[in-house]
Amino acid sequence: MNHLKISPIVEIVLKIHRIKLLVEQMILKESLGGWAGGFVFAPDGKYIPLGGMMMYHGETLRLIPKLWNIAVKEFGGEDQVDREASAGSDDLYNFMYKHGMVRGGKTPPWLAFDSRKVSSKSLMGVLQIAKESNIKFMDVEDVHNRNYYRHMSVDEFIEKFL
């Protein structure tokens, strides 16, 4: 059997191309839903970081069986909920807010929740993350009032929501 010999220059080009593809895939994953530093707080205050197999905020519903079952009924099946989650559907996110969930991310710091539905336990968890990450300001969206607070300080957040 004859083996094809590759010149050192071709080997280098192939290695560079392979590295380029890996970097492009990492960037694509990050921009399409890797959500570095992303998280969700469940209605009971359970903290769910996004990472590993979990790519999107909506997929966290699988970890909360009661809400998952409600979502499956409301959206017409598991496949549809998965499609809504993969698309970053506003309908699915509004469902999450309606049930007291908090969506957020650390880089840059942001939060979204419904102030009428969210538990103080979840908001205290958000403050813990802010403290651990040394976050001074957050962009906060209160979907109940459709209010958006740009660069809200942690003290302002406490005064407004706790």
C-alpha atoms as a PDB file:
ATOM      1  CA  MET A   1       0.000   0.000   0.000  1.00  0.00           C
ATOM      2  CA  ASN A   2       1.376   3.359  -0.979  1.00  0.00           C
ATOM      3  CA  HIS A   3       1.096   6.136   1.558  1.00  0.00           C
ATOM      4  CA  LEU A   4       0.722   9.669   0.399  1.00  0.00           C
ATOM      5  CA  LYS A   5       3.506  11.823   1.756  1.00  0.00           C
ATOM      6  CA  ILE A   6       2.532  15.341   2.654  1.00  0.00           C
ATOM      7  CA  SER A   7       5.124  18.041   2.541  1.00  0.00           C
ATOM      8  CA  PRO A   8       5.847  19.941   5.775  1.00  0.00           C
ATOM      9  CA  ILE A   9       4.383  23.114   4.250  1.00  0.00           C
ATOM     10  CA  VAL A  10       1.089  21.361   3.427  1.00  0.00           C
ATOM     11  CA  GLU A  11       0.996  19.885   6.966  1.00  0.00           C
ATOM     12  CA  ILE A  12       1.401  23.360   8.441  1.00  0.00           C
ATOM     13  CA  VAL A  13      -1.351  24.764   6.211  1.00  0.00           C
ATOM     14  CA  LEU A  14      -3.686  21.912   7.200  1.00  0.00           C
ATOM     15  CA  LYS A  15      -2.956  22.460  10.923  1.00  0.00           C
ATOM     16  CA  ILE A  16      -3.608  26.195  10.584  1.00  0.00           C
ATOM     17  CA  HIS A  17      -6.852  25.492   8.706  1.00  0.00           C
ATOM     18  CA  ARG A  18      -7.962  23.012  11.406  1.00  0.00           C
ATOM     19  CA  ILE A  19      -7.180  25.521  14.174  1.00  0.00           C
ATOM     20  CA  LYS A  20      -9.044  28.233  12.228  1.00  0.00           C
ATOM     21  CA  LEU A  21     -12.126  25.976  11.954  1.00  0.00           C
ATOM     22  CA  LEU A  22     -12.018  25.166  15.675  1.00  0.00           C
ATOM     23  CA  VAL A  23     -11.798  28.857  16.579  1.00  0.00           C
ATOM     24  CA  GLU A  24     -14.644  29.726  14.178  1.00  0.00           C
ATOM     25  CA  GLN A  25     -16.813  27.013  15.724  1.00  0.00           C
ATOM     26  CA  MET A  26     -16.079  28.323  19.225  1.00  0.00           C
ATOM     27  CA  ILE A  27     -16.965  31.871  18.179  1.00  0.00           C
ATOM     28  CA  LEU A  28     -20.129  30.681  16.435  1.00  0.00           C
ATOM     29  CA  LYS A  29     -21.163  28.637  19.484  1.00  0.00           C
ATOM     30  CA  GLU A  30     -20.576  31.636  21.729  1.00  0.00           C
ATOM     31  CA  SER A  31     -22.482  34.097  19.555  1.00  0.00           C
ATOM     32  CA  LEU A  32     -25.376  31.754  18.827  1.00  0.00           C
ATOM     33  CA  GLY A  33     -26.107  30.676  22.350  1.00  0.00           C
ATOM     34  CA  GLY A  34     -23.088  29.692  24.382  1.00  0.00           C
ATOM     35  CA  TRP A  35     -24.185  32.408  26.811  1.00  0.00           C
ATOM     36  CA  ALA A  36     -20.903  32.690  28.679  1.00  0.00           C
ATOM     37  CA  GLY A  37     -21.821  33.611  32.231  1.00  0.00           C
ATOM     38  CA  GLY A  38     -25.535  33.152  31.508  1.00  0.00           C
ATOM     39  CA  PHE A  39     -27.889  31.862  34.160  1.00  0.00           C
ATOM     40  CA  VAL A  40     -31.506  31.340  35.160  1.00  0.00           C
ATOM     41  CA  PHE A  41     -33.119  31.406  38.566  1.00  0.00           C
ATOM     42  CA  ALA A  42     -36.096  29.085  38.927  1.00  0.00           C
ATOM     43  CA  PRO A  43     -39.202  30.317  40.792  1.00  0.00           C
ATOM     44  CA  ASP A  44     -37.965  28.557  43.957  1.00  0.00           C
ATOM     45  CA  GLY A  45     -34.646  30.427  43.786  1.00  0.00           C
ATOM     46  CA  LYS A  46     -32.695  27.473  42.337  1.00  0.00           C
ATOM     47  CA  TYR A  47     -29.664  28.757  40.408  1.00  0.00           C
ATOM     48  CA  ILE A  48     -29.116  27.160  36.992  1.00  0.00           C
ATOM     49  CA  PRO A  49     -25.905  28.198  35.217  1.00  0.00           C
ATOM     50  CA  LEU A  50     -25.817  27.859  31.440  1.00  0.00           C
ATOM     51  CA  GLY A  51     -22.970  25.709  30.253  1.00  0.00           C
ATOM     52  CA  GLY A  52     -22.004  22.224  29.198  1.00  0.00           C
ATOM     53  CA  MET A  53     -24.945  20.691  27.362  1.00  0.00           C
ATOM     54  CA  MET A  54     -27.188  23.621  28.244  1.00  0.00           C
ATOM     55  CA  MET A  55     -26.971  26.292  25.588  1.00  0.00           C
ATOM     56  CA  TYR A  56     -30.024  28.507  25.890  1.00  0.00           C
ATOM     57  CA  HIS A  57     -32.043  30.021  28.716  1.00  0.00           C
ATOM     58  CA  GLY A  58     -35.213  28.259  27.567  1.00  0.00           C
ATOM     59  CA  GLU A  59     -33.603  24.831  27.860  1.00  0.00           C
ATOM     60  CA  THR A  60     -33.404  25.268  31.624  1.00  0.00           C
ATOM     61  CA  LEU A  61     -37.123  24.470  31.748  1.00  0.00           C
ATOM     62  CA  ARG A  62     -36.184  20.783  31.422  1.00  0.00           C
ATOM     63  CA  LEU A  63     -34.628  21.012  34.896  1.00  0.00           C
ATOM     64  CA  ILE A  64     -37.912  22.192  36.412  1.00  0.00           C
ATOM     65  CA  PRO A  65     -40.326  19.321  35.656  1.00  0.00           C
ATOM     66  CA  LYS A  66     -43.486  21.129  36.785  1.00  0.00           C
ATOM     67  CA  LEU A  67     -42.828  24.115  34.493  1.00  0.00           C
ATOM     68  CA  TRP A  68     -41.574  21.876  31.694  1.00  0.00           C
ATOM     69  CA  ASN A  69     -44.901  20.009  31.684  1.00  0.00           C
ATOM     70  CA  ILE A  70     -46.850  23.276  31.633  1.00  0.00           C
ATOM     71  CA  ALA A  71     -44.699  24.575  28.750  1.00  0.00           C
ATOM     72  CA  VAL A  72     -45.182  21.349  26.776  1.00  0.00           C
ATOM     73  CA  LYS A  73     -48.957  21.687  27.102  1.00  0.00           C
ATOM     74  CA  GLU A  74     -48.989  25.408  26.373  1.00  0.00           C
ATOM     75  CA  PHE A  75     -46.698  25.225  23.317  1.00  0.00           C
ATOM     76  CA  GLY A  76     -48.071  21.979  21.879  1.00  0.00           C
ATOM     77  CA  GLY A  77     -45.374  19.389  22.546  1.00  0.00           C
ATOM     78  CA  GLU A  78     -41.755  18.856  23.526  1.00  0.00           C
ATOM     79  CA  ASP A  79     -40.446  19.421  20.006  1.00  0.00           C
ATOM     80  CA  GLN A  80     -42.143  22.798  19.833  1.00  0.00           C
ATOM     81  CA  VAL A  81     -40.744  23.862  23.210  1.00  0.00           C
ATOM     82  CA  ASP A  82     -37.276  22.809  22.001  1.00  0.00           C
ATOM     83  CA  ARG A  83     -37.725  24.870  18.812  1.00  0.00           C
ATOM     84  CA  GLU A  84     -38.859  27.873  20.849  1.00  0.00           C
ATOM     85  CA  ALA A  85     -35.829  27.471  23.147  1.00  0.00           C
ATOM     86  CA  SER A  86     -33.375  27.145  20.251  1.00  0.00           C
ATOM     87  CA  ALA A  87     -34.832  30.223  18.560  1.00  0.00           C
ATOM     88  CA  GLY A  88     -34.682  32.331  21.728  1.00  0.00           C
ATOM     89  CA  SER A  89     -38.415  32.853  21.361  1.00  0.00           C
ATOM     90  CA  ASP A  90     -39.960  35.868  23.095  1.00  0.00           C
ATOM     91  CA  ASP A  91     -43.067  33.743  23.679  1.00  0.00           C
ATOM     92  CA  LEU A  92     -41.025  31.205  25.626  1.00  0.00           C
ATOM     93  CA  TYR A  93     -39.181  33.892  27.580  1.00  0.00           C
ATOM     94  CA  ASN A  94     -42.503  35.577  28.424  1.00  0.00           C
ATOM     95  CA  PHE A  95     -43.725  32.166  29.629  1.00  0.00           C
ATOM     96  CA  MET A  96     -40.662  31.951  31.879  1.00  0.00           C
ATOM     97  CA  TYR A  97     -41.226  35.440  33.296  1.00  0.00           C
ATOM     98  CA  LYS A  98     -44.920  34.702  33.848  1.00  0.00           C
ATOM     99  CA  HIS A  99     -43.868  31.773  36.012  1.00  0.00           C
ATOM    100  CA  GLY A 100     -41.400  33.785  38.099  1.00  0.00           C
ATOM    101  CA  MET A 101     -38.114  32.928  36.424  1.00  0.00           C
ATOM    102  CA  VAL A 102     -35.136  35.280  36.123  1.00  0.00           C
ATOM    103  CA  ARG A 103     -32.921  35.270  33.038  1.00  0.00           C
ATOM    104  CA  GLY A 104     -29.527  36.876  33.175  1.00  0.00           C
ATOM    105  CA  GLY A 105     -25.896  37.001  32.227  1.00  0.00           C
ATOM    106  CA  LYS A 106     -22.639  38.175  33.722  1.00  0.00           C
ATOM    107  CA  THR A 107     -20.874  39.579  30.657  1.00  0.00           C
ATOM    108  CA  PRO A 108     -22.053  42.277  30.368  1.00  0.00           C
ATOM    109  CA  PRO A 109     -24.254  42.069  33.485  1.00  0.00           C
ATOM    110  CA  TRP A 110     -27.977  41.966  32.629  1.00  0.00           C
ATOM    111  CA  LEU A 111     -31.243  40.642  34.073  1.00  0.00           C
ATOM    112  CA  ALA A 112     -34.794  40.185  32.887  1.00  0.00           C
ATOM    113  CA  PHE A 113     -37.790  39.227  35.037  1.00  0.00           C
ATOM    114  CA  ASP A 114     -41.370  40.155  35.917  1.00  0.00           C
ATOM    115  CA  SER A 115     -41.325  42.097  39.192  1.00  0.00           C
ATOM    116  CA  ARG A 116     -44.864  40.903  40.038  1.00  0.00           C
ATOM    117  CA  LYS A 117     -43.964  37.217  39.723  1.00  0.00           C
ATOM    118  CA  VAL A 118     -40.330  36.891  40.784  1.00  0.00           C
ATOM    119  CA  SER A 119     -39.487  35.640  44.274  1.00  0.00           C
ATOM    120  CA  SER A 120     -37.285  37.610  46.638  1.00  0.00           C
ATOM    121  CA  LYS A 121     -35.267  34.395  47.017  1.00  0.00           C
ATOM    122  CA  SER A 122     -34.330  34.562  43.322  1.00  0.00           C
ATOM    123  CA  LEU A 123     -33.462  38.253  43.549  1.00  0.00           C
ATOM    124  CA  MET A 124     -31.256  37.573  46.565  1.00  0.00           C
ATOM    125  CA  GLY A 125     -29.494  34.928  44.471  1.00  0.00           C
ATOM    126  CA  VAL A 126     -28.895  37.553  41.784  1.00  0.00           C
ATOM    127  CA  LEU A 127     -27.291  39.806  44.404  1.00  0.00           C
ATOM    128  CA  GLN A 128     -25.060  36.950  45.517  1.00  0.00           C
ATOM    129  CA  ILE A 129     -23.833  36.497  41.934  1.00  0.00           C
ATOM    130  CA  ALA A 130     -23.251  40.245  41.653  1.00  0.00           C
ATOM    131  CA  LYS A 131     -21.226  40.184  44.865  1.00  0.00           C
ATOM    132  CA  GLU A 132     -19.154  37.128  43.849  1.00  0.00           C
ATOM    133  CA  SER A 133     -18.504  38.541  40.379  1.00  0.00           C
ATOM    134  CA  ASN A 134     -17.798  42.045  41.717  1.00  0.00           C
ATOM    135  CA  ILE A 135     -20.571  43.483  39.519  1.00  0.00           C
ATOM    136  CA  LYS A 136     -21.274  47.156  40.218  1.00  0.00           C
ATOM    137  CA  PHE A 137     -23.930  47.862  37.544  1.00  0.00           C
ATOM    138  CA  MET A 138     -26.508  45.797  35.674  1.00  0.00           C
ATOM    139  CA  ASP A 139     -28.898  46.365  32.818  1.00  0.00           C
ATOM    140  CA  VAL A 140     -32.262  45.359  34.257  1.00  0.00           C
ATOM    141  CA  GLU A 141     -35.482  44.730  32.342  1.00  0.00           C
ATOM    142  CA  ASP A 142     -38.703  44.525  34.322  1.00  0.00           C
ATOM    143  CA  VAL A 143     -41.060  42.962  31.791  1.00  0.00           C
ATOM    144  CA  HIS A 144     -44.090  43.725  33.997  1.00  0.00           C
ATOM    145  CA  ASN A 145     -43.784  47.474  33.563  1.00  0.00           C
ATOM    146  CA  ARG A 146     -41.779  47.238  30.345  1.00  0.00           C
ATOM    147  CA  ASN A 147     -39.153  49.279  32.152  1.00  0.00           C
ATOM    148  CA  TYR A 148     -35.522  49.018  31.195  1.00  0.00           C
ATOM    149  CA  TYR A 149     -32.911  50.307  33.618  1.00  0.00           C
ATOM    150  CA  ARG A 150     -29.555  50.842  31.994  1.00  0.00           C
ATOM    151  CA  HIS A 151     -26.511  50.622  34.286  1.00  0.00           C
ATOM    152  CA  MET A 152     -28.563  50.209  37.457  1.00  0.00           C
ATOM    153  CA  SER A 153     -26.303  50.027  40.491  1.00  0.00           C
ATOM    154  CA  VAL A 154     -26.641  47.146  42.915  1.00  0.00           C
ATOM    155  CA  ASP A 155     -27.869  49.602  45.577  1.00  0.00           C
ATOM    156  CA  GLU A 156     -30.537  50.960  43.195  1.00  0.00           C
ATOM    157  CA  PHE A 157     -31.544  47.370  42.395  1.00  0.00           C
ATOM    158  CA  ILE A 158     -32.003  46.589  46.082  1.00  0.00           C
ATOM    159  CA  GLU A 159     -33.996  49.763  46.665  1.00  0.00           C
ATOM    160  CA  LYS A 160     -36.249  49.181  43.658  1.00  0.00           C
ATOM    161  CA  PHE A 161     -36.921  45.431  43.832  1.00  0.00           C
ATOM    162  CA  LEU A 162     -36.256  44.186  47.385  1.00  0.00           C
END
